[in-house]
């Protein structure tokens, strides 16, 4: 990134960390567009202090992440990973693979924004009851459409058969699911995280899974990516994927096109204003 000072606009995904030190070198930079949802790889406060606009476009990847979330629910409830793995090994363990249906189950959705709201709609289509929790007010029309119920975190954790996380990583949400919260969940419930790894305390989750506080977990995101400590991922009741929530052709295309449009429009406006000032 030694040439960052040559650019007025950047379109990024999540691999490069835009630290304050790096942004200090970006003398010409006016806008960073994150082609996706999270902004935790960008020092937004530092960027703002330097007059750099930071934009993300979470709606472009929402369908892909929501579909993966539902897919992980199905994998957990039907023990699909174990079923496929055993068949490839030449085993026939049908009697060990009794599953449950999604229909009639309660799904607790923490964070009901672009992705969480889509999860609610898909879950409703499966006949599930969405329990909704967010720091902002949800429209009564939406809640009614998904046959949902707005609840507090305690009620969501104690009543849900599935708990799925769709919140950004902030100081407030970091490790928001820890020992205390996991002990509130039902022993038959599952935790799904397709948001950010550090929203969950992985040491507490490991303890919860080996001691049977909850039935299982599905993770697409991790505290460190790629993960270094694999003890959690190797548990039989854990399904893990390598941060593929937005890894679809459609999501990548939508995000790329909109990111370019935002960057070009902003820079055209910025330079037109500068020209007007000179005149």
C-alpha atoms as a PDB file:
ATOM      1  CA  UNK A   1       0.000   0.000   0.000  1.00  0.00           C
ATOM      2  CA  UNK A   2       2.968   2.320  -0.539  1.00  0.00           C
ATOM      3  CA  UNK A   3       1.107   3.951  -3.442  1.00  0.00           C
ATOM      4  CA  UNK A   4      -2.037   4.789  -1.458  1.00  0.00           C
ATOM      5  CA  UNK A   5      -1.174   8.497  -1.644  1.00  0.00           C
ATOM      6  CA  UNK A   6      -1.837   8.411  -5.413  1.00  0.00           C
ATOM      7  CA  UNK A   7      -5.562   7.685  -5.105  1.00  0.00           C
ATOM      8  CA  UNK A   8      -8.596   9.873  -4.492  1.00  0.00           C
ATOM      9  CA  UNK A   9     -10.977   6.932  -4.079  1.00  0.00           C
ATOM     10  CA  UNK A  10     -10.660   3.297  -3.012  1.00  0.00           C
ATOM     11  CA  UNK A  11     -13.040   0.345  -3.275  1.00  0.00           C
ATOM     12  CA  UNK A  12     -12.183  -2.354  -0.741  1.00  0.00           C
ATOM     13  CA  UNK A  13     -13.444  -5.623   0.667  1.00  0.00           C
ATOM     14  CA  UNK A  14     -12.375  -6.980   4.045  1.00  0.00           C
ATOM     15  CA  UNK A  15      -8.835  -8.298   3.683  1.00  0.00           C
ATOM     16  CA  UNK A  16      -6.877  -5.037   3.946  1.00  0.00           C
ATOM     17  CA  UNK A  17      -6.845  -3.264   7.310  1.00  0.00           C
ATOM     18  CA  UNK A  18      -7.064   0.498   6.914  1.00  0.00           C
ATOM     19  CA  UNK A  19      -5.338   1.573  10.110  1.00  0.00           C
ATOM     20  CA  UNK A  20      -4.736   5.142  11.193  1.00  0.00           C
ATOM     21  CA  UNK A  21      -1.097   4.783  10.170  1.00  0.00           C
ATOM     22  CA  UNK A  22      -2.056   3.745   6.648  1.00  0.00           C
ATOM     23  CA  UNK A  23      -4.655   6.501   6.332  1.00  0.00           C
ATOM     24  CA  UNK A  24      -2.049   9.081   7.325  1.00  0.00           C
ATOM     25  CA  UNK A  25      -0.244   8.203   4.078  1.00  0.00           C
ATOM     26  CA  UNK A  26      -3.402   8.729   1.996  1.00  0.00           C
ATOM     27  CA  UNK A  27      -2.898  12.427   1.360  1.00  0.00           C
ATOM     28  CA  UNK A  28      -5.273  12.588  -1.630  1.00  0.00           C
ATOM     29  CA  UNK A  29      -7.896  10.109  -0.502  1.00  0.00           C
ATOM     30  CA  UNK A  30     -11.468  11.431  -0.389  1.00  0.00           C
ATOM     31  CA  UNK A  31     -13.641   8.296  -0.230  1.00  0.00           C
ATOM     32  CA  UNK A  32     -13.425   4.617   0.746  1.00  0.00           C
ATOM     33  CA  UNK A  33     -16.269   2.375  -0.378  1.00  0.00           C
ATOM     34  CA  UNK A  34     -16.500  -0.967   1.401  1.00  0.00           C
ATOM     35  CA  UNK A  35     -18.015  -3.400  -1.131  1.00  0.00           C
ATOM     36  CA  UNK A  36     -19.915  -5.284   1.555  1.00  0.00           C
ATOM     37  CA  UNK A  37     -21.241  -4.860   5.073  1.00  0.00           C
ATOM     38  CA  UNK A  38     -18.766  -4.587   7.960  1.00  0.00           C
ATOM     39  CA  UNK A  39     -16.512  -1.584   8.538  1.00  0.00           C
ATOM     40  CA  UNK A  40     -14.334  -3.117  11.248  1.00  0.00           C
ATOM     41  CA  UNK A  41     -11.317  -3.267   8.891  1.00  0.00           C
ATOM     42  CA  UNK A  42     -11.388   0.537   8.522  1.00  0.00           C
ATOM     43  CA  UNK A  43     -10.478   3.111  11.173  1.00  0.00           C
ATOM     44  CA  UNK A  44     -13.620   5.135  10.484  1.00  0.00           C
ATOM     45  CA  UNK A  45     -12.884   7.707  13.178  1.00  0.00           C
ATOM     46  CA  UNK A  46      -9.434   8.431  11.732  1.00  0.00           C
ATOM     47  CA  UNK A  47     -10.828   8.603   8.204  1.00  0.00           C
ATOM     48  CA  UNK A  48     -13.498  11.088   9.259  1.00  0.00           C
ATOM     49  CA  UNK A  49     -10.906  13.281  10.983  1.00  0.00           C
ATOM     50  CA  UNK A  50      -9.021  13.461   7.685  1.00  0.00           C
ATOM     51  CA  UNK A  51     -12.157  14.326   5.704  1.00  0.00           C
ATOM     52  CA  UNK A  52     -12.370  10.911   4.059  1.00  0.00           C
ATOM     53  CA  UNK A  53     -15.898   9.659   3.488  1.00  0.00           C
ATOM     54  CA  UNK A  54     -16.455   5.984   4.356  1.00  0.00           C
ATOM     55  CA  UNK A  55     -19.408   4.134   2.843  1.00  0.00           C
ATOM     56  CA  UNK A  56     -20.534   0.518   3.099  1.00  0.00           C
ATOM     57  CA  UNK A  57     -23.294  -1.222   1.128  1.00  0.00           C
ATOM     58  CA  UNK A  58     -24.612  -4.085   3.280  1.00  0.00           C
ATOM     59  CA  UNK A  59     -27.846  -4.493   1.318  1.00  0.00           C
ATOM     60  CA  UNK A  60     -25.914  -5.808  -1.704  1.00  0.00           C
ATOM     61  CA  UNK A  61     -24.820  -8.974   0.143  1.00  0.00           C
ATOM     62  CA  UNK A  62     -27.846  -9.391   2.400  1.00  0.00           C
ATOM     63  CA  UNK A  63     -29.618 -12.094   0.391  1.00  0.00           C
ATOM     64  CA  UNK A  64     -26.496 -14.254   0.164  1.00  0.00           C
ATOM     65  CA  UNK A  65     -25.733 -14.052   3.892  1.00  0.00           C
ATOM     66  CA  UNK A  66     -29.374 -14.650   4.825  1.00  0.00           C
ATOM     67  CA  UNK A  67     -29.573 -17.731   2.599  1.00  0.00           C
ATOM     68  CA  UNK A  68     -26.381 -19.135   4.125  1.00  0.00           C
ATOM     69  CA  UNK A  69     -27.837 -18.561   7.596  1.00  0.00           C
ATOM     70  CA  UNK A  70     -30.929 -20.602   6.762  1.00  0.00           C
ATOM     71  CA  UNK A  71     -28.733 -23.241   5.143  1.00  0.00           C
ATOM     72  CA  UNK A  72     -26.711 -23.552   8.336  1.00  0.00           C
ATOM     73  CA  UNK A  73     -29.925 -23.932  10.333  1.00  0.00           C
ATOM     74  CA  UNK A  74     -30.932 -26.841   8.115  1.00  0.00           C
ATOM     75  CA  UNK A  75     -27.482 -28.417   8.401  1.00  0.00           C
ATOM     76  CA  UNK A  76     -27.643 -28.214  12.197  1.00  0.00           C
ATOM     77  CA  UNK A  77     -31.196 -29.464  12.566  1.00  0.00           C
ATOM     78  CA  UNK A  78     -30.713 -32.410  10.180  1.00  0.00           C
ATOM     79  CA  UNK A  79     -27.101 -33.211  11.116  1.00  0.00           C
ATOM     80  CA  UNK A  80     -26.198 -32.944   7.438  1.00  0.00           C
ATOM     81  CA  UNK A  81     -22.451 -32.545   7.896  1.00  0.00           C
ATOM     82  CA  UNK A  82     -22.218 -35.777   9.836  1.00  0.00           C
ATOM     83  CA  UNK A  83     -24.557 -37.511   7.381  1.00  0.00           C
ATOM     84  CA  UNK A  84     -22.461 -36.584   4.350  1.00  0.00           C
ATOM     85  CA  UNK A  85     -19.150 -37.287   6.077  1.00  0.00           C
ATOM     86  CA  UNK A  86     -20.252 -40.740   7.253  1.00  0.00           C
ATOM     87  CA  UNK A  87     -21.503 -41.746   3.792  1.00  0.00           C
ATOM     88  CA  UNK A  88     -18.179 -40.739   2.217  1.00  0.00           C
ATOM     89  CA  UNK A  89     -16.480 -43.022   4.750  1.00  0.00           C
ATOM     90  CA  UNK A  90     -18.721 -45.927   3.703  1.00  0.00           C
ATOM     91  CA  UNK A  91     -20.774 -45.838   6.910  1.00  0.00           C
ATOM     92  CA  UNK A  92     -24.549 -46.184   7.282  1.00  0.00           C
ATOM     93  CA  UNK A  93     -25.517 -44.392  10.501  1.00  0.00           C
ATOM     94  CA  UNK A  94     -29.157 -43.604   9.722  1.00  0.00           C
ATOM     95  CA  UNK A  95     -30.326 -44.421  13.254  1.00  0.00           C
ATOM     96  CA  UNK A  96     -27.888 -41.882  14.715  1.00  0.00           C
ATOM     97  CA  UNK A  97     -29.163 -39.029  12.571  1.00  0.00           C
ATOM     98  CA  UNK A  98     -32.588 -38.217  13.977  1.00  0.00           C
ATOM     99  CA  UNK A  99     -33.218 -34.560  13.163  1.00  0.00           C
ATOM    100  CA  UNK A 100     -35.826 -31.885  13.744  1.00  0.00           C
ATOM    101  CA  UNK A 101     -37.852 -29.660  11.433  1.00  0.00           C
ATOM    102  CA  UNK A 102     -37.510 -25.886  11.211  1.00  0.00           C
ATOM    103  CA  UNK A 103     -41.262 -25.517  11.023  1.00  0.00           C
ATOM    104  CA  UNK A 104     -42.759 -24.485  14.345  1.00  0.00           C
ATOM    105  CA  UNK A 105     -39.415 -23.502  15.861  1.00  0.00           C
ATOM    106  CA  UNK A 106     -38.532 -20.078  17.275  1.00  0.00           C
ATOM    107  CA  UNK A 107     -35.604 -18.269  15.725  1.00  0.00           C
ATOM    108  CA  UNK A 108     -34.046 -15.447  17.711  1.00  0.00           C
ATOM    109  CA  UNK A 109     -32.604 -12.796  15.403  1.00  0.00           C
ATOM    110  CA  UNK A 110     -30.203 -10.370  17.077  1.00  0.00           C
ATOM    111  CA  UNK A 111     -29.803  -7.406  14.738  1.00  0.00           C
ATOM    112  CA  UNK A 112     -32.687  -6.920  12.308  1.00  0.00           C
ATOM    113  CA  UNK A 113     -31.093  -4.771   9.629  1.00  0.00           C
ATOM    114  CA  UNK A 114     -30.501  -5.609   5.983  1.00  0.00           C
ATOM    115  CA  UNK A 115     -29.472  -9.206   6.663  1.00  0.00           C
ATOM    116  CA  UNK A 116     -31.468  -9.945   9.812  1.00  0.00           C
ATOM    117  CA  UNK A 117     -34.720  -8.770   8.222  1.00  0.00           C
ATOM    118  CA  UNK A 118     -34.158 -11.102   5.258  1.00  0.00           C
ATOM    119  CA  UNK A 119     -33.458 -13.996   7.624  1.00  0.00           C
ATOM    120  CA  UNK A 120     -36.785 -13.222   9.316  1.00  0.00           C
ATOM    121  CA  UNK A 121     -38.639 -13.339   5.993  1.00  0.00           C
ATOM    122  CA  UNK A 122     -37.024 -16.627   4.973  1.00  0.00           C
ATOM    123  CA  UNK A 123     -37.610 -18.145   8.410  1.00  0.00           C
ATOM    124  CA  UNK A 124     -41.270 -17.111   8.252  1.00  0.00           C
ATOM    125  CA  UNK A 125     -41.548 -18.878   4.872  1.00  0.00           C
ATOM    126  CA  UNK A 126     -40.307 -22.051   6.604  1.00  0.00           C
ATOM    127  CA  UNK A 127     -43.034 -21.729   9.228  1.00  0.00           C
ATOM    128  CA  UNK A 128     -40.725 -20.479  11.981  1.00  0.00           C
ATOM    129  CA  UNK A 129     -41.549 -17.831  14.582  1.00  0.00           C
ATOM    130  CA  UNK A 130     -39.028 -14.935  14.485  1.00  0.00           C
ATOM    131  CA  UNK A 131     -38.147 -13.337  17.836  1.00  0.00           C
ATOM    132  CA  UNK A 132     -36.635  -9.964  16.951  1.00  0.00           C
ATOM    133  CA  UNK A 133     -34.117  -7.920  18.910  1.00  0.00           C
ATOM    134  CA  UNK A 134     -32.494  -4.657  17.841  1.00  0.00           C
ATOM    135  CA  UNK A 135     -31.390  -1.346  19.340  1.00  0.00           C
ATOM    136  CA  UNK A 136     -33.642   0.507  16.886  1.00  0.00           C
ATOM    137  CA  UNK A 137     -37.411   0.393  16.606  1.00  0.00           C
ATOM    138  CA  UNK A 138     -38.783  -2.031  14.031  1.00  0.00           C
ATOM    139  CA  UNK A 139     -41.746  -1.166  11.862  1.00  0.00           C
ATOM    140  CA  UNK A 140     -44.999  -2.716  12.983  1.00  0.00           C
ATOM    141  CA  UNK A 141     -45.767  -3.599   9.360  1.00  0.00           C
ATOM    142  CA  UNK A 142     -42.568  -5.638   9.005  1.00  0.00           C
ATOM    143  CA  UNK A 143     -43.079  -7.418  12.328  1.00  0.00           C
ATOM    144  CA  UNK A 144     -46.595  -8.340  11.266  1.00  0.00           C
ATOM    145  CA  UNK A 145     -45.463  -9.516   7.816  1.00  0.00           C
ATOM    146  CA  UNK A 146     -43.046 -12.052   9.301  1.00  0.00           C
ATOM    147  CA  UNK A 147     -45.377 -13.021  12.166  1.00  0.00           C
ATOM    148  CA  UNK A 148     -42.599 -11.885  14.456  1.00  0.00           C
ATOM    149  CA  UNK A 149     -42.361 -10.625  18.003  1.00  0.00           C
ATOM    150  CA  UNK A 150     -40.057  -7.899  19.287  1.00  0.00           C
ATOM    151  CA  UNK A 151     -38.425  -9.117  22.513  1.00  0.00           C
ATOM    152  CA  UNK A 152     -35.596  -8.292  24.893  1.00  0.00           C
ATOM    153  CA  UNK A 153     -32.318 -10.186  24.761  1.00  0.00           C
ATOM    154  CA  UNK A 154     -33.126 -12.291  27.850  1.00  0.00           C
ATOM    155  CA  UNK A 155     -36.432 -13.476  26.415  1.00  0.00           C
ATOM    156  CA  UNK A 156     -34.862 -14.160  23.029  1.00  0.00           C
ATOM    157  CA  UNK A 157     -32.083 -16.295  24.484  1.00  0.00           C
ATOM    158  CA  UNK A 158     -34.296 -18.299  26.816  1.00  0.00           C
ATOM    159  CA  UNK A 159     -37.049 -19.022  24.267  1.00  0.00           C
ATOM    160  CA  UNK A 160     -35.286 -19.495  20.915  1.00  0.00           C
ATOM    161  CA  UNK A 161     -34.513 -22.841  19.290  1.00  0.00           C
ATOM    162  CA  UNK A 162     -32.026 -21.045  17.038  1.00  0.00           C
ATOM    163  CA  UNK A 163     -30.161 -17.825  17.854  1.00  0.00           C
ATOM    164  CA  UNK A 164     -28.610 -16.053  14.879  1.00  0.00           C
ATOM    165  CA  UNK A 165     -26.395 -12.962  15.007  1.00  0.00           C
ATOM    166  CA  UNK A 166     -26.545 -10.092  12.505  1.00  0.00           C
ATOM    167  CA  UNK A 167     -24.925  -7.144  14.274  1.00  0.00           C
ATOM    168  CA  UNK A 168     -21.860  -5.067  13.326  1.00  0.00           C
ATOM    169  CA  UNK A 169     -18.706  -5.367  15.409  1.00  0.00           C
ATOM    170  CA  UNK A 170     -18.560  -2.403  17.795  1.00  0.00           C
ATOM    171  CA  UNK A 171     -17.361  -1.821  21.351  1.00  0.00           C
ATOM    172  CA  UNK A 172     -20.903  -2.590  22.472  1.00  0.00           C
ATOM    173  CA  UNK A 173     -21.294  -5.837  20.511  1.00  0.00           C
ATOM    174  CA  UNK A 174     -17.824  -7.332  21.034  1.00  0.00           C
ATOM    175  CA  UNK A 175     -18.297 -10.623  22.942  1.00  0.00           C
ATOM    176  CA  UNK A 176     -21.971  -9.813  23.478  1.00  0.00           C
ATOM    177  CA  UNK A 177     -22.520 -13.585  23.497  1.00  0.00           C
ATOM    178  CA  UNK A 178     -20.404 -14.892  26.351  1.00  0.00           C
ATOM    179  CA  UNK A 179     -20.815 -17.356  29.212  1.00  0.00           C
ATOM    180  CA  UNK A 180     -23.718 -15.481  30.764  1.00  0.00           C
ATOM    181  CA  UNK A 181     -25.725 -15.407  27.536  1.00  0.00           C
ATOM    182  CA  UNK A 182     -24.924 -18.994  26.522  1.00  0.00           C
ATOM    183  CA  UNK A 183     -26.114 -20.300  29.886  1.00  0.00           C
ATOM    184  CA  UNK A 184     -29.492 -18.663  29.241  1.00  0.00           C
ATOM    185  CA  UNK A 185     -30.046 -20.604  26.019  1.00  0.00           C
ATOM    186  CA  UNK A 186     -31.971 -23.876  25.881  1.00  0.00           C
ATOM    187  CA  UNK A 187     -29.916 -27.075  25.962  1.00  0.00           C
ATOM    188  CA  UNK A 188     -31.571 -28.058  22.667  1.00  0.00           C
ATOM    189  CA  UNK A 189     -30.840 -24.730  20.941  1.00  0.00           C
ATOM    190  CA  UNK A 190     -28.263 -23.760  18.320  1.00  0.00           C
ATOM    191  CA  UNK A 191     -26.146 -20.638  17.876  1.00  0.00           C
ATOM    192  CA  UNK A 192     -25.367 -19.315  14.382  1.00  0.00           C
ATOM    193  CA  UNK A 193     -22.875 -16.545  13.683  1.00  0.00           C
ATOM    194  CA  UNK A 194     -22.510 -15.115  10.169  1.00  0.00           C
ATOM    195  CA  UNK A 195     -21.821 -11.566  11.438  1.00  0.00           C
ATOM    196  CA  UNK A 196     -18.355 -11.035  12.934  1.00  0.00           C
ATOM    197  CA  UNK A 197     -16.270 -13.526  14.900  1.00  0.00           C
ATOM    198  CA  UNK A 198     -15.548 -11.288  17.867  1.00  0.00           C
ATOM    199  CA  UNK A 199     -19.246 -10.845  18.613  1.00  0.00           C
ATOM    200  CA  UNK A 200     -18.995 -14.258  20.304  1.00  0.00           C
ATOM    201  CA  UNK A 201     -16.585 -15.232  23.074  1.00  0.00           C
ATOM    202  CA  UNK A 202     -15.143 -18.380  21.470  1.00  0.00           C
ATOM    203  CA  UNK A 203     -13.693 -19.733  24.730  1.00  0.00           C
ATOM    204  CA  UNK A 204     -17.130 -19.502  26.333  1.00  0.00           C
ATOM    205  CA  UNK A 205     -18.729 -21.123  23.280  1.00  0.00           C
ATOM    206  CA  UNK A 206     -16.269 -24.010  23.433  1.00  0.00           C
ATOM    207  CA  UNK A 207     -17.156 -24.573  27.079  1.00  0.00           C
ATOM    208  CA  UNK A 208     -20.871 -24.363  26.294  1.00  0.00           C
ATOM    209  CA  UNK A 209     -20.581 -26.993  23.577  1.00  0.00           C
ATOM    210  CA  UNK A 210     -18.468 -29.530  25.449  1.00  0.00           C
ATOM    211  CA  UNK A 211     -20.557 -29.161  28.621  1.00  0.00           C
ATOM    212  CA  UNK A 212     -23.885 -29.316  26.794  1.00  0.00           C
ATOM    213  CA  UNK A 213     -25.290 -25.876  27.574  1.00  0.00           C
ATOM    214  CA  UNK A 214     -26.460 -25.741  23.948  1.00  0.00           C
ATOM    215  CA  UNK A 215     -26.857 -28.435  21.279  1.00  0.00           C
ATOM    216  CA  UNK A 216     -24.529 -27.008  18.642  1.00  0.00           C
ATOM    217  CA  UNK A 217     -23.249 -24.040  16.679  1.00  0.00           C
ATOM    218  CA  UNK A 218     -22.598 -22.953  13.107  1.00  0.00           C
ATOM    219  CA  UNK A 219     -19.857 -20.409  12.435  1.00  0.00           C
ATOM    220  CA  UNK A 220     -18.914 -18.558   9.264  1.00  0.00           C
ATOM    221  CA  UNK A 221     -16.771 -15.941  11.034  1.00  0.00           C
ATOM    222  CA  UNK A 222     -13.974 -16.117  13.598  1.00  0.00           C
ATOM    223  CA  UNK A 223     -12.017 -14.044  16.106  1.00  0.00           C
ATOM    224  CA  UNK A 224      -8.935 -14.483  13.901  1.00  0.00           C
ATOM    225  CA  UNK A 225      -9.254 -15.242  10.191  1.00  0.00           C
ATOM    226  CA  UNK A 226      -8.118 -17.711   9.128  1.00  0.00           C
ATOM    227  CA  UNK A 227      -8.482 -19.365  12.561  1.00  0.00           C
ATOM    228  CA  UNK A 228      -5.328 -20.454  14.358  1.00  0.00           C
ATOM    229  CA  UNK A 229      -6.802 -22.319  17.338  1.00  0.00           C
ATOM    230  CA  UNK A 230      -8.904 -25.131  15.840  1.00  0.00           C
ATOM    231  CA  UNK A 231     -10.178 -26.824  19.008  1.00  0.00           C
ATOM    232  CA  UNK A 232     -13.632 -25.230  18.688  1.00  0.00           C
ATOM    233  CA  UNK A 233     -13.942 -26.033  14.995  1.00  0.00           C
ATOM    234  CA  UNK A 234     -13.059 -29.699  15.540  1.00  0.00           C
ATOM    235  CA  UNK A 235     -16.013 -30.351  17.847  1.00  0.00           C
ATOM    236  CA  UNK A 236     -18.577 -32.734  16.377  1.00  0.00           C
ATOM    237  CA  UNK A 237     -21.462 -30.355  17.126  1.00  0.00           C
ATOM    238  CA  UNK A 238     -19.899 -27.421  15.273  1.00  0.00           C
ATOM    239  CA  UNK A 239     -20.382 -26.635  11.595  1.00  0.00           C
ATOM    240  CA  UNK A 240     -17.811 -24.212  10.214  1.00  0.00           C
ATOM    241  CA  UNK A 241     -17.409 -22.414   6.892  1.00  0.00           C
ATOM    242  CA  UNK A 242     -14.589 -20.036   5.803  1.00  0.00           C
ATOM    243  CA  UNK A 243     -16.406 -16.657   5.876  1.00  0.00           C
ATOM    244  CA  UNK A 244     -18.441 -17.350   2.722  1.00  0.00           C
ATOM    245  CA  UNK A 245     -21.591 -15.412   3.639  1.00  0.00           C
ATOM    246  CA  UNK A 246     -21.187 -12.939   0.779  1.00  0.00           C
ATOM    247  CA  UNK A 247     -19.213 -15.322  -1.430  1.00  0.00           C
ATOM    248  CA  UNK A 248     -21.701 -15.633  -4.281  1.00  0.00           C
ATOM    249  CA  UNK A 249     -21.463 -14.414  -7.857  1.00  0.00           C
ATOM    250  CA  UNK A 250     -24.626 -12.343  -7.470  1.00  0.00           C
ATOM    251  CA  UNK A 251     -23.573 -10.596  -4.259  1.00  0.00           C
ATOM    252  CA  UNK A 252     -20.091  -9.821  -5.574  1.00  0.00           C
ATOM    253  CA  UNK A 253     -21.521  -8.402  -8.799  1.00  0.00           C
ATOM    254  CA  UNK A 254     -24.086  -6.212  -7.022  1.00  0.00           C
ATOM    255  CA  UNK A 255     -21.529  -4.930  -4.524  1.00  0.00           C
ATOM    256  CA  UNK A 256     -18.911  -4.189  -7.185  1.00  0.00           C
ATOM    257  CA  UNK A 257     -21.268  -2.279  -9.473  1.00  0.00           C
ATOM    258  CA  UNK A 258     -22.780  -0.190  -6.700  1.00  0.00           C
ATOM    259  CA  UNK A 259     -19.374   0.520  -5.124  1.00  0.00           C
ATOM    260  CA  UNK A 260     -18.064   1.905  -8.427  1.00  0.00           C
ATOM    261  CA  UNK A 261     -21.184   4.031  -8.904  1.00  0.00           C
ATOM    262  CA  UNK A 262     -20.898   5.509  -5.408  1.00  0.00           C
ATOM    263  CA  UNK A 263     -17.179   6.270  -5.760  1.00  0.00           C
ATOM    264  CA  UNK A 264     -17.504   7.849  -9.214  1.00  0.00           C
ATOM    265  CA  UNK A 265     -20.548   9.949  -8.280  1.00  0.00           C
ATOM    266  CA  UNK A 266     -18.903  11.209  -5.106  1.00  0.00           C
ATOM    267  CA  UNK A 267     -15.605  12.116  -6.764  1.00  0.00           C
ATOM    268  CA  UNK A 268     -17.338  13.835  -9.700  1.00  0.00           C
ATOM    269  CA  UNK A 269     -19.323  15.928  -7.241  1.00  0.00           C
ATOM    270  CA  UNK A 270     -16.204  16.649  -5.174  1.00  0.00           C
ATOM    271  CA  UNK A 271     -14.101  17.820  -8.111  1.00  0.00           C
ATOM    272  CA  UNK A 272     -16.947  19.831  -9.690  1.00  0.00           C
ATOM    273  CA  UNK A 273     -17.246  21.675  -6.379  1.00  0.00           C
ATOM    274  CA  UNK A 274     -13.500  22.331  -6.341  1.00  0.00           C
ATOM    275  CA  UNK A 275     -13.630  23.694  -9.891  1.00  0.00           C
ATOM    276  CA  UNK A 276     -16.511  25.990  -8.927  1.00  0.00           C
ATOM    277  CA  UNK A 277     -14.506  27.299  -6.003  1.00  0.00           C
ATOM    278  CA  UNK A 278     -11.607  28.148  -8.296  1.00  0.00           C
ATOM    279  CA  UNK A 279     -13.909  30.046 -10.691  1.00  0.00           C
END
